[in-house]
Amino acid sequence: MYVRASFTSLYEAAEQADIMRANRRSQPREKTGEPAELIIDLNGSKIACLVHNVSDGGAMVESSGSDLLKRLILNYKDKNIHSPCKVVWSCGNLAGLEFQPE
């Protein structure tokens, strides 16, 4: 059976899962909705993304690349973040990133 989900329903599902996980988080999330970029390889190849929320430990981003590598760099100039990240979950175009020490 093929089920087609709209982006809105995927985003809402991710937001609901985010709310359910909130009590397990050690840092609060700040909603942003601002543009950033993901550096995806050693050559500096980039993918534009939208940062939906961010904390000291990670971020939820939306990008056109649904098959992101497990490790990448989030370059988020508006918040002065240039950090290696590990993709800890993904759902369609949304991904949860965990900041990694350099």
C-alpha atoms as a PDB file:
ATOM      1  CA  MET A   1       0.000   0.000   0.000  1.00  0.00           C
ATOM      2  CA  TYR A   2       1.379   3.405  -0.988  1.00  0.00           C
ATOM      3  CA  VAL A   3       0.698   6.319   1.336  1.00  0.00           C
ATOM      4  CA  ARG A   4       1.575   9.845   0.298  1.00  0.00           C
ATOM      5  CA  ALA A   5       2.223  12.293   3.099  1.00  0.00           C
ATOM      6  CA  SER A   6       2.390  16.006   2.607  1.00  0.00           C
ATOM      7  CA  PHE A   7       5.334  18.006   3.892  1.00  0.00           C
ATOM      8  CA  THR A   8       2.998  19.709   6.364  1.00  0.00           C
ATOM      9  CA  SER A   9       1.958  16.401   7.903  1.00  0.00           C
ATOM     10  CA  LEU A  10       5.615  15.262   8.117  1.00  0.00           C
ATOM     11  CA  TYR A  11       6.597  18.538   9.751  1.00  0.00           C
ATOM     12  CA  GLU A  12       3.692  18.327  12.190  1.00  0.00           C
ATOM     13  CA  ALA A  13       4.610  14.722  13.044  1.00  0.00           C
ATOM     14  CA  ALA A  14       8.212  15.770  13.662  1.00  0.00           C
ATOM     15  CA  GLU A  15       7.050  18.689  15.816  1.00  0.00           C
ATOM     16  CA  GLN A  16       4.786  16.354  17.829  1.00  0.00           C
ATOM     17  CA  ALA A  17       7.657  13.900  18.327  1.00  0.00           C
ATOM     18  CA  ASP A  18       9.798  16.889  19.331  1.00  0.00           C
ATOM     19  CA  ILE A  19       7.259  17.884  21.979  1.00  0.00           C
ATOM     20  CA  MET A  20       7.073  14.318  23.321  1.00  0.00           C
ATOM     21  CA  ARG A  21      10.887  14.181  23.627  1.00  0.00           C
ATOM     22  CA  ALA A  22      11.107  17.619  25.236  1.00  0.00           C
ATOM     23  CA  ASN A  23      11.094  16.317  28.787  1.00  0.00           C
ATOM     24  CA  ARG A  24      14.153  14.131  27.990  1.00  0.00           C
ATOM     25  CA  ARG A  25      16.243  17.036  26.726  1.00  0.00           C
ATOM     26  CA  SER A  26      18.934  18.634  28.795  1.00  0.00           C
ATOM     27  CA  GLN A  27      18.754  21.949  26.865  1.00  0.00           C
ATOM     28  CA  PRO A  28      15.711  23.917  25.666  1.00  0.00           C
ATOM     29  CA  ARG A  29      15.188  24.453  21.921  1.00  0.00           C
ATOM     30  CA  GLU A  30      14.854  27.878  20.333  1.00  0.00           C
ATOM     31  CA  LYS A  31      12.535  28.042  17.301  1.00  0.00           C
ATOM     32  CA  THR A  32      14.237  29.877  14.455  1.00  0.00           C
ATOM     33  CA  GLY A  33      13.011  29.268  10.874  1.00  0.00           C
ATOM     34  CA  GLU A  34      16.186  30.821   9.454  1.00  0.00           C
ATOM     35  CA  PRO A  35      18.368  29.803   6.479  1.00  0.00           C
ATOM     36  CA  ALA A  36      21.733  28.067   6.879  1.00  0.00           C
ATOM     37  CA  GLU A  37      23.835  25.574   4.946  1.00  0.00           C
ATOM     38  CA  LEU A  38      25.098  22.036   5.400  1.00  0.00           C
ATOM     39  CA  ILE A  39      28.654  21.304   4.315  1.00  0.00           C
ATOM     40  CA  ILE A  40      28.449  17.702   3.185  1.00  0.00           C
ATOM     41  CA  ASP A  41      31.965  16.693   2.126  1.00  0.00           C
ATOM     42  CA  LEU A  42      35.656  17.517   2.385  1.00  0.00           C
ATOM     43  CA  ASN A  43      35.483  19.507  -0.875  1.00  0.00           C
ATOM     44  CA  GLY A  44      33.139  21.994   0.785  1.00  0.00           C
ATOM     45  CA  SER A  45      30.019  21.023  -1.188  1.00  0.00           C
ATOM     46  CA  LYS A  46      26.994  22.712   0.370  1.00  0.00           C
ATOM     47  CA  ILE A  47      23.251  22.196   0.584  1.00  0.00           C
ATOM     48  CA  ALA A  48      20.959  25.056   1.614  1.00  0.00           C
ATOM     49  CA  CYS A  49      18.782  24.284   4.607  1.00  0.00           C
ATOM     50  CA  LEU A  50      16.283  25.865   6.969  1.00  0.00           C
ATOM     51  CA  VAL A  51      16.941  25.589  10.698  1.00  0.00           C
ATOM     52  CA  HIS A  52      13.607  25.015  12.458  1.00  0.00           C
ATOM     53  CA  ASN A  53      15.035  24.951  15.961  1.00  0.00           C
ATOM     54  CA  VAL A  54      18.395  24.925  17.707  1.00  0.00           C
ATOM     55  CA  SER A  55      19.835  24.256  21.166  1.00  0.00           C
ATOM     56  CA  ASP A  56      23.300  23.977  22.659  1.00  0.00           C
ATOM     57  CA  GLY A  57      23.265  20.281  21.731  1.00  0.00           C
ATOM     58  CA  GLY A  58      21.811  20.209  18.225  1.00  0.00           C
ATOM     59  CA  ALA A  59      19.275  21.405  15.678  1.00  0.00           C
ATOM     60  CA  MET A  60      16.360  20.321  13.503  1.00  0.00           C
ATOM     61  CA  VAL A  61      16.907  21.240   9.858  1.00  0.00           C
ATOM     62  CA  GLU A  62      14.989  20.930   6.603  1.00  0.00           C
ATOM     63  CA  SER A  63      16.899  20.423   3.363  1.00  0.00           C
ATOM     64  CA  SER A  64      16.319  19.241  -0.173  1.00  0.00           C
ATOM     65  CA  GLY A  65      18.730  16.327   0.367  1.00  0.00           C
ATOM     66  CA  SER A  66      16.762  13.500   1.949  1.00  0.00           C
ATOM     67  CA  ASP A  67      19.790  11.155   2.072  1.00  0.00           C
ATOM     68  CA  LEU A  68      22.181  13.198   4.184  1.00  0.00           C
ATOM     69  CA  LEU A  69      25.484  11.716   5.244  1.00  0.00           C
ATOM     70  CA  LYS A  70      25.725  10.630   8.865  1.00  0.00           C
ATOM     71  CA  ARG A  71      28.325  13.341   9.527  1.00  0.00           C
ATOM     72  CA  LEU A  72      28.334  16.892   8.157  1.00  0.00           C
ATOM     73  CA  ILE A  73      28.912  20.493   9.222  1.00  0.00           C
ATOM     74  CA  LEU A  74      26.149  22.968  10.012  1.00  0.00           C
ATOM     75  CA  ASN A  75      27.135  26.497   8.966  1.00  0.00           C
ATOM     76  CA  TYR A  76      24.519  28.753  10.580  1.00  0.00           C
ATOM     77  CA  LYS A  77      25.814  32.306  10.292  1.00  0.00           C
ATOM     78  CA  ASP A  78      22.850  34.012  12.014  1.00  0.00           C
ATOM     79  CA  LYS A  79      23.679  32.192  15.277  1.00  0.00           C
ATOM     80  CA  ASN A  80      27.453  32.069  14.701  1.00  0.00           C
ATOM     81  CA  ILE A  81      27.404  28.242  14.543  1.00  0.00           C
ATOM     82  CA  HIS A  82      29.925  26.338  12.427  1.00  0.00           C
ATOM     83  CA  SER A  83      29.872  22.880  13.958  1.00  0.00           C
ATOM     84  CA  PRO A  84      30.451  19.259  12.978  1.00  0.00           C
ATOM     85  CA  CYS A  85      27.198  17.310  13.387  1.00  0.00           C
ATOM     86  CA  LYS A  86      25.924  13.774  13.462  1.00  0.00           C
ATOM     87  CA  VAL A  87      22.510  13.043  11.923  1.00  0.00           C
ATOM     88  CA  VAL A  88      20.576  11.281  14.698  1.00  0.00           C
ATOM     89  CA  TRP A  89      17.201  11.006  12.936  1.00  0.00           C
ATOM     90  CA  SER A  90      15.602  11.891   9.628  1.00  0.00           C
ATOM     91  CA  CYS A  91      12.076  11.925   8.261  1.00  0.00           C
ATOM     92  CA  GLY A  92      11.694  13.017   4.641  1.00  0.00           C
ATOM     93  CA  ASN A  93      13.431  16.382   4.281  1.00  0.00           C
ATOM     94  CA  LEU A  94      13.732  16.916   8.044  1.00  0.00           C
ATOM     95  CA  ALA A  95      16.736  15.824  10.087  1.00  0.00           C
ATOM     96  CA  GLY A  96      17.810  16.036  13.700  1.00  0.00           C
ATOM     97  CA  LEU A  97      21.456  16.995  14.141  1.00  0.00           C
ATOM     98  CA  GLU A  98      23.588  16.488  17.217  1.00  0.00           C
ATOM     99  CA  PHE A  99      26.561  18.820  17.544  1.00  0.00           C
ATOM    100  CA  GLN A 100      29.867  16.944  17.855  1.00  0.00           C
ATOM    101  CA  PRO A 101      33.086  18.145  19.451  1.00  0.00           C
ATOM    102  CA  GLU A 102      35.701  19.258  16.929  1.00  0.00           C
END
